[in-house]
Amino acid sequence: MRTTAPAADPAGYAQLFVSAWLRSNAAEATSAQTRRAQSLAPDSQLPNPVAGAHTTPQSVTAVRSTQRGDGAWSVTVAGPSEAVPSVGLIGCSVMAFLVTPQRGR
């Protein structure tokens, strides 16, 4: 007999967080995307974009969710990235992010 309900798949939450995080900026604490990223994961470090760096994907998608043995989830979120000729990337490439809980949480 199961006494607790299984944890729900957090793929949508992870997708929303990565989307907001990619559009946030550590130097712009009052921007909507920065506030959203911090509200979803208060202890996460925000990006500090470099001038001339590649742009943020238009959208990201949760592509895989895995529940670990301890009950915690890991979610892979990915989105298209523009070409970066200076490092040999031509055409469309993909940016992927693994979202996992912090230890002790």
PDB file of N, CA and C in Angstrom:
ATOM      1  N   MET A   1       0.834  -1.171   0.000  1.00  0.00           N
ATOM      2  CA  MET A   1       0.000   0.000   0.000  1.00  0.00           C
ATOM      3  C   MET A   1       0.889   1.248   0.000  1.00  0.00           C
ATOM      4  N   ARG A   2       0.623   2.126  -0.906  1.00  0.00           N
ATOM      5  CA  ARG A   2       1.377   3.373  -1.008  1.00  0.00           C
ATOM      6  C   ARG A   2       0.767   4.394  -0.052  1.00  0.00           C
ATOM      7  N   THR A   3       1.643   5.036   0.743  1.00  0.00           N
ATOM      8  CA  THR A   3       1.142   6.002   1.719  1.00  0.00           C
ATOM      9  C   THR A   3       1.313   7.437   1.265  1.00  0.00           C
ATOM     10  N   THR A   4       2.195   7.674   0.293  1.00  0.00           N
ATOM     11  CA  THR A   4       2.380   9.040  -0.217  1.00  0.00           C
ATOM     12  C   THR A   4       2.237   9.036  -1.728  1.00  0.00           C
ATOM     13  N   ALA A   5       1.743  10.116  -2.234  1.00  0.00           N
ATOM     14  CA  ALA A   5       1.594  10.248  -3.687  1.00  0.00           C
ATOM     15  C   ALA A   5       2.962  10.469  -4.323  1.00  0.00           C
ATOM     16  N   PRO A   6       3.179   9.923  -5.516  1.00  0.00           N
ATOM     17  CA  PRO A   6       4.455  10.159  -6.186  1.00  0.00           C
ATOM     18  C   PRO A   6       4.605  11.636  -6.549  1.00  0.00           C
ATOM     19  N   ALA A   7       5.833  12.101  -6.547  1.00  0.00           N
ATOM     20  CA  ALA A   7       6.094  13.500  -6.908  1.00  0.00           C
ATOM     21  C   ALA A   7       5.733  13.727  -8.375  1.00  0.00           C
ATOM     22  N   ALA A   8       5.123  14.847  -8.662  1.00  0.00           N
ATOM     23  CA  ALA A   8       4.741  15.183 -10.037  1.00  0.00           C
ATOM     24  C   ALA A   8       5.973  15.540 -10.852  1.00  0.00           C
ATOM     25  N   ASP A   9       5.934  15.229 -12.129  1.00  0.00           N
ATOM     26  CA  ASP A   9       7.022  15.549 -13.046  1.00  0.00           C
ATOM     27  C   ASP A   9       7.158  17.071 -13.155  1.00  0.00           C
ATOM     28  N   PRO A  10       8.322  17.636 -12.825  1.00  0.00           N
ATOM     29  CA  PRO A  10       8.500  19.093 -12.828  1.00  0.00           C
ATOM     30  C   PRO A  10       8.983  19.663 -14.166  1.00  0.00           C
ATOM     31  N   ALA A  11       8.743  18.973 -15.271  1.00  0.00           N
ATOM     32  CA  ALA A  11       9.268  19.418 -16.564  1.00  0.00           C
ATOM     33  C   ALA A  11       8.814  20.829 -16.922  1.00  0.00           C
ATOM     34  N   GLY A  12       7.557  21.146 -16.711  1.00  0.00           N
ATOM     35  CA  GLY A  12       7.044  22.482 -17.037  1.00  0.00           C
ATOM     36  C   GLY A  12       7.692  23.557 -16.183  1.00  0.00           C
ATOM     37  N   TYR A  13       7.885  23.260 -14.916  1.00  0.00           N
ATOM     38  CA  TYR A  13       8.536  24.198 -13.990  1.00  0.00           C
ATOM     39  C   TYR A  13       9.974  24.453 -14.427  1.00  0.00           C
ATOM     40  N   ALA A  14      10.694  23.376 -14.758  1.00  0.00           N
ATOM     41  CA  ALA A  14      12.088  23.510 -15.196  1.00  0.00           C
ATOM     42  C   ALA A  14      12.174  24.306 -16.495  1.00  0.00           C
ATOM     43  N   GLN A  15      11.255  24.055 -17.413  1.00  0.00           N
ATOM     44  CA  GLN A  15      11.228  24.778 -18.686  1.00  0.00           C
ATOM     45  C   GLN A  15      11.007  26.264 -18.454  1.00  0.00           C
ATOM     46  N   LEU A  16      10.071  26.607 -17.580  1.00  0.00           N
ATOM     47  CA  LEU A  16       9.793  28.006 -17.257  1.00  0.00           C
ATOM     48  C   LEU A  16      11.013  28.660 -16.608  1.00  0.00           C
ATOM     49  N   PHE A  17      11.663  27.946 -15.677  1.00  0.00           N
ATOM     50  CA  PHE A  17      12.842  28.492 -15.012  1.00  0.00           C
ATOM     51  C   PHE A  17      13.967  28.755 -16.006  1.00  0.00           C
ATOM     52  N   VAL A  18      14.292  27.793 -16.861  1.00  0.00           N
ATOM     53  CA  VAL A  18      15.396  27.977 -17.814  1.00  0.00           C
ATOM     54  C   VAL A  18      15.093  29.126 -18.767  1.00  0.00           C
ATOM     55  N   SER A  19      13.861  29.227 -19.223  1.00  0.00           N
ATOM     56  CA  SER A  19      13.481  30.323 -20.112  1.00  0.00           C
ATOM     57  C   SER A  19      13.710  31.670 -19.430  1.00  0.00           C
ATOM     58  N   ALA A  20      13.262  31.802 -18.184  1.00  0.00           N
ATOM     59  CA  ALA A  20      13.446  33.061 -17.441  1.00  0.00           C
ATOM     60  C   ALA A  20      14.920  33.295 -17.127  1.00  0.00           C
ATOM     61  N   TRP A  21      15.630  32.242 -16.746  1.00  0.00           N
ATOM     62  CA  TRP A  21      17.049  32.368 -16.391  1.00  0.00           C
ATOM     63  C   TRP A  21      17.870  32.852 -17.583  1.00  0.00           C
ATOM     64  N   LEU A  22      17.600  32.297 -18.770  1.00  0.00           N
ATOM     65  CA  LEU A  22      18.350  32.699 -19.969  1.00  0.00           C
ATOM     66  C   LEU A  22      18.131  34.167 -20.322  1.00  0.00           C
ATOM     67  N   ARG A  23      16.973  34.698 -19.967  1.00  0.00           N
ATOM     68  CA  ARG A  23      16.647  36.091 -20.274  1.00  0.00           C
ATOM     69  C   ARG A  23      16.957  37.041 -19.124  1.00  0.00           C
ATOM     70  N   SER A  24      17.443  36.494 -18.009  1.00  0.00           N
ATOM     71  CA  SER A  24      17.758  37.328 -16.850  1.00  0.00           C
ATOM     72  C   SER A  24      19.192  37.835 -16.937  1.00  0.00           C
ATOM     73  N   ASN A  25      19.507  38.747 -16.032  1.00  0.00           N
ATOM     74  CA  ASN A  25      20.832  39.357 -16.026  1.00  0.00           C
ATOM     75  C   ASN A  25      21.137  39.760 -14.586  1.00  0.00           C
ATOM     76  N   ALA A  26      22.256  39.311 -14.068  1.00  0.00           N
ATOM     77  CA  ALA A  26      22.634  39.617 -12.685  1.00  0.00           C
ATOM     78  C   ALA A  26      22.703  41.122 -12.434  1.00  0.00           C
ATOM     79  N   ALA A  27      22.978  41.898 -13.473  1.00  0.00           N
ATOM     80  CA  ALA A  27      23.103  43.353 -13.321  1.00  0.00           C
ATOM     81  C   ALA A  27      21.761  44.070 -13.382  1.00  0.00           C
ATOM     82  N   GLU A  28      20.704  43.351 -13.722  1.00  0.00           N
ATOM     83  CA  GLU A  28      19.374  43.964 -13.845  1.00  0.00           C
ATOM     84  C   GLU A  28      18.404  43.295 -12.873  1.00  0.00           C
ATOM     85  N   ALA A  29      18.599  43.547 -11.594  1.00  0.00           N
ATOM     86  CA  ALA A  29      17.825  42.876 -10.548  1.00  0.00           C
ATOM     87  C   ALA A  29      16.328  43.152 -10.621  1.00  0.00           C
ATOM     88  N   THR A  30      15.921  44.248 -11.239  1.00  0.00           N
ATOM     89  CA  THR A  30      14.500  44.590 -11.262  1.00  0.00           C
ATOM     90  C   THR A  30      13.779  44.166 -12.543  1.00  0.00           C
ATOM     91  N   SER A  31      14.492  43.541 -13.484  1.00  0.00           N
ATOM     92  CA  SER A  31      13.812  43.127 -14.717  1.00  0.00           C
ATOM     93  C   SER A  31      12.836  41.992 -14.414  1.00  0.00           C
ATOM     94  N   ALA A  32      11.797  41.891 -15.191  1.00  0.00           N
ATOM     95  CA  ALA A  32      10.758  40.877 -14.972  1.00  0.00           C
ATOM     96  C   ALA A  32      11.339  39.464 -15.046  1.00  0.00           C
ATOM     97  N   GLN A  33      12.209  39.212 -16.024  1.00  0.00           N
ATOM     98  CA  GLN A  33      12.763  37.863 -16.179  1.00  0.00           C
ATOM     99  C   GLN A  33      13.701  37.509 -15.030  1.00  0.00           C
ATOM    100  N   THR A  34      14.461  38.490 -14.555  1.00  0.00           N
ATOM    101  CA  THR A  34      15.348  38.244 -13.417  1.00  0.00           C
ATOM    102  C   THR A  34      14.528  37.933 -12.174  1.00  0.00           C
ATOM    103  N   ARG A  35      13.488  38.703 -11.938  1.00  0.00           N
ATOM    104  CA  ARG A  35      12.625  38.451 -10.773  1.00  0.00           C
ATOM    105  C   ARG A  35      11.945  37.091 -10.884  1.00  0.00           C
ATOM    106  N   ARG A  36      11.510  36.724 -12.089  1.00  0.00           N
ATOM    107  CA  ARG A  36      10.869  35.418 -12.285  1.00  0.00           C
ATOM    108  C   ARG A  36      11.851  34.290 -12.006  1.00  0.00           C
ATOM    109  N   ALA A  37      13.048  34.375 -12.553  1.00  0.00           N
ATOM    110  CA  ALA A  37      14.050  33.320 -12.323  1.00  0.00           C
ATOM    111  C   ALA A  37      14.347  33.184 -10.835  1.00  0.00           C
ATOM    112  N   GLN A  38      14.499  34.307 -10.149  1.00  0.00           N
ATOM    113  CA  GLN A  38      14.804  34.262  -8.716  1.00  0.00           C
ATOM    114  C   GLN A  38      13.627  33.759  -7.893  1.00  0.00           C
ATOM    115  N   SER A  39      12.407  34.020  -8.337  1.00  0.00           N
ATOM    116  CA  SER A  39      11.255  33.513  -7.588  1.00  0.00           C
ATOM    117  C   SER A  39      11.123  31.995  -7.747  1.00  0.00           C
ATOM    118  N   LEU A  40      11.545  31.460  -8.885  1.00  0.00           N
ATOM    119  CA  LEU A  40      11.468  30.020  -9.123  1.00  0.00           C
ATOM    120  C   LEU A  40      12.610  29.261  -8.447  1.00  0.00           C
ATOM    121  N   ALA A  41      13.775  29.890  -8.355  1.00  0.00           N
ATOM    122  CA  ALA A  41      14.951  29.260  -7.744  1.00  0.00           C
ATOM    123  C   ALA A  41      15.790  30.343  -7.070  1.00  0.00           C
ATOM    124  N   PRO A  42      15.404  30.732  -5.857  1.00  0.00           N
ATOM    125  CA  PRO A  42      16.041  31.872  -5.173  1.00  0.00           C
ATOM    126  C   PRO A  42      17.552  31.768  -4.991  1.00  0.00           C
ATOM    127  N   ASP A  43      18.085  30.564  -4.880  1.00  0.00           N
ATOM    128  CA  ASP A  43      19.525  30.407  -4.646  1.00  0.00           C
ATOM    129  C   ASP A  43      20.339  30.248  -5.925  1.00  0.00           C
ATOM    130  N   SER A  44      19.694  30.303  -7.083  1.00  0.00           N
ATOM    131  CA  SER A  44      20.437  30.114  -8.327  1.00  0.00           C
ATOM    132  C   SER A  44      21.244  31.367  -8.669  1.00  0.00           C
ATOM    133  N   GLN A  45      22.403  31.154  -9.260  1.00  0.00           N
ATOM    134  CA  GLN A  45      23.213  32.279  -9.722  1.00  0.00           C
ATOM    135  C   GLN A  45      22.669  32.733 -11.066  1.00  0.00           C
ATOM    136  N   LEU A  46      22.534  34.035 -11.227  1.00  0.00           N
ATOM    137  CA  LEU A  46      22.023  34.576 -12.483  1.00  0.00           C
ATOM    138  C   LEU A  46      23.166  34.784 -13.463  1.00  0.00           C
ATOM    139  N   PRO A  47      22.876  34.695 -14.750  1.00  0.00           N
ATOM    140  CA  PRO A  47      23.929  34.913 -15.743  1.00  0.00           C
ATOM    141  C   PRO A  47      24.389  36.370 -15.760  1.00  0.00           C
ATOM    142  N   ASN A  48      25.585  36.556 -16.175  1.00  0.00           N
ATOM    143  CA  ASN A  48      26.171  37.876 -16.338  1.00  0.00           C
ATOM    144  C   ASN A  48      26.646  37.941 -17.792  1.00  0.00           C
ATOM    145  N   PRO A  49      25.730  38.227 -18.725  1.00  0.00           N
ATOM    146  CA  PRO A  49      26.042  38.141 -20.154  1.00  0.00           C
ATOM    147  C   PRO A  49      27.243  38.993 -20.562  1.00  0.00           C
ATOM    148  N   VAL A  50      28.000  38.448 -21.499  1.00  0.00           N
ATOM    149  CA  VAL A  50      29.161  39.126 -22.053  1.00  0.00           C
ATOM    150  C   VAL A  50      28.717  39.860 -23.316  1.00  0.00           C
ATOM    151  N   ALA A  51      29.171  41.081 -23.491  1.00  0.00           N
ATOM    152  CA  ALA A  51      28.826  41.848 -24.693  1.00  0.00           C
ATOM    153  C   ALA A  51      29.240  41.063 -25.934  1.00  0.00           C
ATOM    154  N   GLY A  52      28.330  40.949 -26.888  1.00  0.00           N
ATOM    155  CA  GLY A  52      28.616  40.254 -28.135  1.00  0.00           C
ATOM    156  C   GLY A  52      28.413  38.749 -28.067  1.00  0.00           C
ATOM    157  N   ALA A  53      27.955  38.243 -26.922  1.00  0.00           N
ATOM    158  CA  ALA A  53      27.713  36.805 -26.802  1.00  0.00           C
ATOM    159  C   ALA A  53      26.489  36.417 -27.624  1.00  0.00           C
ATOM    160  N   HIS A  54      26.307  35.119 -27.837  1.00  0.00           N
ATOM    161  CA  HIS A  54      25.166  34.654 -28.628  1.00  0.00           C
ATOM    162  C   HIS A  54      23.854  35.054 -27.957  1.00  0.00           C
ATOM    163  N   THR A  55      22.811  35.080 -28.741  1.00  0.00           N
ATOM    164  CA  THR A  55      21.517  35.494 -28.225  1.00  0.00           C
ATOM    165  C   THR A  55      20.798  34.328 -27.548  1.00  0.00           C
ATOM    166  N   THR A  56      19.787  34.650 -26.806  1.00  0.00           N
ATOM    167  CA  THR A  56      18.978  33.670 -26.105  1.00  0.00           C
ATOM    168  C   THR A  56      18.041  32.965 -27.087  1.00  0.00           C
ATOM    169  N   PRO A  57      17.832  31.652 -26.936  1.00  0.00           N
ATOM    170  CA  PRO A  57      16.885  30.959 -27.818  1.00  0.00           C
ATOM    171  C   PRO A  57      15.493  31.584 -27.701  1.00  0.00           C
ATOM    172  N   GLN A  58      14.744  31.552 -28.784  1.00  0.00           N
ATOM    173  CA  GLN A  58      13.368  32.063 -28.762  1.00  0.00           C
ATOM    174  C   GLN A  58      12.512  31.257 -27.801  1.00  0.00           C
ATOM    175  N   SER A  59      12.782  29.964 -27.726  1.00  0.00           N
ATOM    176  CA  SER A  59      12.019  29.106 -26.829  1.00  0.00           C
ATOM    177  C   SER A  59      12.891  27.942 -26.379  1.00  0.00           C
ATOM    178  N   VAL A  60      12.520  27.350 -25.271  1.00  0.00           N
ATOM    179  CA  VAL A  60      13.183  26.141 -24.794  1.00  0.00           C
ATOM    180  C   VAL A  60      12.100  25.106 -24.516  1.00  0.00           C
ATOM    181  N   THR A  61      12.494  23.842 -24.527  1.00  0.00           N
ATOM    182  CA  THR A  61      11.554  22.748 -24.321  1.00  0.00           C
ATOM    183  C   THR A  61      12.164  21.719 -23.386  1.00  0.00           C
ATOM    184  N   ALA A  62      11.374  21.222 -22.462  1.00  0.00           N
ATOM    185  CA  ALA A  62      11.823  20.116 -21.624  1.00  0.00           C
ATOM    186  C   ALA A  62      11.837  18.871 -22.503  1.00  0.00           C
ATOM    187  N   VAL A  63      12.990  18.232 -22.631  1.00  0.00           N
ATOM    188  CA  VAL A  63      13.111  17.091 -23.532  1.00  0.00           C
ATOM    189  C   VAL A  63      13.229  15.758 -22.802  1.00  0.00           C
ATOM    190  N   ARG A  64      13.541  15.804 -21.507  1.00  0.00           N
ATOM    191  CA  ARG A  64      13.658  14.552 -20.762  1.00  0.00           C
ATOM    192  C   ARG A  64      13.509  14.818 -19.272  1.00  0.00           C
ATOM    193  N   SER A  65      12.756  13.968 -18.605  1.00  0.00           N
ATOM    194  CA  SER A  65      12.605  14.025 -17.157  1.00  0.00           C
ATOM    195  C   SER A  65      12.952  12.657 -16.598  1.00  0.00           C
ATOM    196  N   THR A  66      13.735  12.650 -15.535  1.00  0.00           N
ATOM    197  CA  THR A  66      14.129  11.396 -14.911  1.00  0.00           C
ATOM    198  C   THR A  66      13.974  11.526 -13.402  1.00  0.00           C
ATOM    199  N   GLN A  67      13.269  10.570 -12.806  1.00  0.00           N
ATOM    200  CA  GLN A  67      13.166  10.566 -11.353  1.00  0.00           C
ATOM    201  C   GLN A  67      14.241   9.642 -10.809  1.00  0.00           C
ATOM    202  N   ARG A  68      15.054  10.198  -9.928  1.00  0.00           N
ATOM    203  CA  ARG A  68      16.157   9.437  -9.350  1.00  0.00           C
ATOM    204  C   ARG A  68      15.642   8.528  -8.241  1.00  0.00           C
ATOM    205  N   GLY A  69      16.510   7.664  -7.774  1.00  0.00           N
ATOM    206  CA  GLY A  69      16.150   6.722  -6.726  1.00  0.00           C
ATOM    207  C   GLY A  69      15.729   7.388  -5.432  1.00  0.00           C
ATOM    208  N   ASP A  70      16.266   8.577  -5.148  1.00  0.00           N
ATOM    209  CA  ASP A  70      15.908   9.283  -3.911  1.00  0.00           C
ATOM    210  C   ASP A  70      14.613  10.079  -4.054  1.00  0.00           C
ATOM    211  N   GLY A  71      13.951   9.964  -5.219  1.00  0.00           N
ATOM    212  CA  GLY A  71      12.689  10.658  -5.442  1.00  0.00           C
ATOM    213  C   GLY A  71      12.833  12.017  -6.106  1.00  0.00           C
ATOM    214  N   ALA A  72      14.050  12.555  -6.152  1.00  0.00           N
ATOM    215  CA  ALA A  72      14.270  13.857  -6.797  1.00  0.00           C
ATOM    216  C   ALA A  72      14.257  13.689  -8.320  1.00  0.00           C
ATOM    217  N   TRP A  73      13.930  14.768  -9.002  1.00  0.00           N
ATOM    218  CA  TRP A  73      13.858  14.759 -10.461  1.00  0.00           C
ATOM    219  C   TRP A  73      15.038  15.496 -11.059  1.00  0.00           C
ATOM    220  N   SER A  74      15.431  15.077 -12.260  1.00  0.00           N
ATOM    221  CA  SER A  74      16.369  15.811 -13.103  1.00  0.00           C
ATOM    222  C   SER A  74      15.653  16.042 -14.422  1.00  0.00           C
ATOM    223  N   VAL A  75      15.713  17.263 -14.935  1.00  0.00           N
ATOM    224  CA  VAL A  75      15.027  17.596 -16.183  1.00  0.00           C
ATOM    225  C   VAL A  75      16.032  18.214 -17.146  1.00  0.00           C
ATOM    226  N   THR A  76      16.072  17.716 -18.370  1.00  0.00           N
ATOM    227  CA  THR A  76      16.903  18.307 -19.416  1.00  0.00           C
ATOM    228  C   THR A  76      16.023  19.230 -20.245  1.00  0.00           C
ATOM    229  N   VAL A  77      16.464  20.483 -20.366  1.00  0.00           N
ATOM    230  CA  VAL A  77      15.742  21.503 -21.128  1.00  0.00           C
ATOM    231  C   VAL A  77      16.669  21.958 -22.245  1.00  0.00           C
ATOM    232  N   ALA A  78      16.154  22.064 -23.469  1.00  0.00           N
ATOM    233  CA  ALA A  78      16.994  22.445 -24.606  1.00  0.00           C
ATOM    234  C   ALA A  78      16.287  23.443 -25.510  1.00  0.00           C
ATOM    235  N   GLY A  79      17.090  24.166 -26.283  1.00  0.00           N
ATOM    236  CA  GLY A  79      16.556  25.124 -27.239  1.00  0.00           C
ATOM    237  C   GLY A  79      17.590  25.412 -28.306  1.00  0.00           C
ATOM    238  N   PRO A  80      17.151  25.871 -29.475  1.00  0.00           N
ATOM    239  CA  PRO A  80      18.095  26.177 -30.556  1.00  0.00           C
ATOM    240  C   PRO A  80      18.965  27.379 -30.209  1.00  0.00           C
ATOM    241  N   SER A  81      20.175  27.345 -30.687  1.00  0.00           N
ATOM    242  CA  SER A  81      21.121  28.434 -30.476  1.00  0.00           C
ATOM    243  C   SER A  81      21.631  28.872 -31.840  1.00  0.00           C
ATOM    244  N   GLU A  82      21.928  30.147 -31.963  1.00  0.00           N
ATOM    245  CA  GLU A  82      22.431  30.628 -33.248  1.00  0.00           C
ATOM    246  C   GLU A  82      23.838  30.110 -33.501  1.00  0.00           C
ATOM    247  N   ALA A  83      24.273  30.168 -34.728  1.00  0.00           N
ATOM    248  CA  ALA A  83      25.623  29.754 -35.091  1.00  0.00           C
ATOM    249  C   ALA A  83      26.654  30.661 -34.419  1.00  0.00           C
ATOM    250  N   VAL A  84      27.775  30.080 -34.083  1.00  0.00           N
ATOM    251  CA  VAL A  84      28.871  30.843 -33.478  1.00  0.00           C
ATOM    252  C   VAL A  84      30.121  30.553 -34.307  1.00  0.00           C
ATOM    253  N   PRO A  85      30.293  31.260 -35.451  1.00  0.00           N
ATOM    254  CA  PRO A  85      31.405  30.966 -36.356  1.00  0.00           C
ATOM    255  C   PRO A  85      32.779  31.048 -35.699  1.00  0.00           C
ATOM    256  N   SER A  86      32.945  31.917 -34.707  1.00  0.00           N
ATOM    257  CA  SER A  86      34.262  32.082 -34.089  1.00  0.00           C
ATOM    258  C   SER A  86      34.740  30.823 -33.375  1.00  0.00           C
ATOM    259  N   VAL A  87      33.821  29.933 -33.026  1.00  0.00           N
ATOM    260  CA  VAL A  87      34.241  28.679 -32.396  1.00  0.00           C
ATOM    261  C   VAL A  87      33.906  27.481 -33.283  1.00  0.00           C
ATOM    262  N   GLY A  88      33.647  27.741 -34.552  1.00  0.00           N
ATOM    263  CA  GLY A  88      33.443  26.673 -35.513  1.00  0.00           C
ATOM    264  C   GLY A  88      32.042  26.113 -35.600  1.00  0.00           C
ATOM    265  N   LEU A  89      31.070  26.729 -34.957  1.00  0.00           N
ATOM    266  CA  LEU A  89      29.702  26.248 -35.059  1.00  0.00           C
ATOM    267  C   LEU A  89      29.006  26.954 -36.215  1.00  0.00           C
ATOM    268  N   ILE A  90      28.572  26.182 -37.182  1.00  0.00           N
ATOM    269  CA  ILE A  90      27.912  26.748 -38.353  1.00  0.00           C
ATOM    270  C   ILE A  90      26.521  26.135 -38.444  1.00  0.00           C
ATOM    271  N   GLY A  91      25.532  26.947 -38.789  1.00  0.00           N
ATOM    272  CA  GLY A  91      24.161  26.474 -38.836  1.00  0.00           C
ATOM    273  C   GLY A  91      23.559  26.538 -37.449  1.00  0.00           C
ATOM    274  N   CYS A  92      22.593  25.723 -37.218  1.00  0.00           N
ATOM    275  CA  CYS A  92      21.889  25.743 -35.932  1.00  0.00           C
ATOM    276  C   CYS A  92      22.504  24.718 -34.979  1.00  0.00           C
ATOM    277  N   SER A  93      22.730  25.130 -33.777  1.00  0.00           N
ATOM    278  CA  SER A  93      23.184  24.214 -32.742  1.00  0.00           C
ATOM    279  C   SER A  93      22.150  24.224 -31.627  1.00  0.00           C
ATOM    280  N   VAL A  94      22.345  23.395 -30.629  1.00  0.00           N
ATOM    281  CA  VAL A  94      21.388  23.284 -29.532  1.00  0.00           C
ATOM    282  C   VAL A  94      22.086  23.568 -28.212  1.00  0.00           C
ATOM    283  N   MET A  95      21.408  24.344 -27.375  1.00  0.00           N
ATOM    284  CA  MET A  95      21.867  24.581 -26.013  1.00  0.00           C
ATOM    285  C   MET A  95      21.024  23.675 -25.124  1.00  0.00           C
ATOM    286  N   ALA A  96      21.669  22.936 -24.223  1.00  0.00           N
ATOM    287  CA  ALA A  96      20.929  22.065 -23.308  1.00  0.00           C
ATOM    288  C   ALA A  96      21.344  22.367 -21.879  1.00  0.00           C
ATOM    289  N   PHE A  97      20.378  22.263 -20.970  1.00  0.00           N
ATOM    290  CA  PHE A  97      20.597  22.555 -19.557  1.00  0.00           C
ATOM    291  C   PHE A  97      19.998  21.427 -18.738  1.00  0.00           C
ATOM    292  N   LEU A  98      20.737  20.961 -17.742  1.00  0.00           N
ATOM    293  CA  LEU A  98      20.233  19.949 -16.829  1.00  0.00           C
ATOM    294  C   LEU A  98      19.819  20.647 -15.548  1.00  0.00           C
ATOM    295  N   VAL A  99      18.551  20.536 -15.195  1.00  0.00           N
ATOM    296  CA  VAL A  99      18.012  21.180 -14.002  1.00  0.00           C
ATOM    297  C   VAL A  99      17.819  20.098 -12.940  1.00  0.00           C
ATOM    298  N   THR A 100      18.528  20.249 -11.816  1.00  0.00           N
ATOM    299  CA  THR A 100      18.434  19.295 -10.720  1.00  0.00           C
ATOM    300  C   THR A 100      18.292  20.054  -9.407  1.00  0.00           C
ATOM    301  N   PRO A 101      17.740  19.413  -8.388  1.00  0.00           N
ATOM    302  CA  PRO A 101      17.625  20.097  -7.094  1.00  0.00           C
ATOM    303  C   PRO A 101      19.002  20.246  -6.449  1.00  0.00           C
ATOM    304  N   GLN A 102      19.139  21.263  -5.627  1.00  0.00           N
ATOM    305  CA  GLN A 102      20.365  21.421  -4.870  1.00  0.00           C
ATOM    306  C   GLN A 102      20.414  20.367  -3.784  1.00  0.00           C
ATOM    307  N   ARG A 103      21.599  19.971  -3.423  1.00  0.00           N
ATOM    308  CA  ARG A 103      21.746  18.990  -2.341  1.00  0.00           C
ATOM    309  C   ARG A 103      21.185  19.569  -1.056  1.00  0.00           C
ATOM    310  N   GLY A 104      20.552  18.723  -0.305  1.00  0.00           N
ATOM    311  CA  GLY A 104      19.999  19.142   0.971  1.00  0.00           C
ATOM    312  C   GLY A 104      18.645  19.822   0.848  1.00  0.00           C
ATOM    313  N   ARG A 105      18.066  19.840  -0.351  1.00  0.00           N
ATOM    314  CA  ARG A 105      16.772  20.498  -0.545  1.00  0.00           C
ATOM    315  C   ARG A 105      15.775  19.493  -1.027  1.00  0.00           C
TER     316      ARG A 105
END
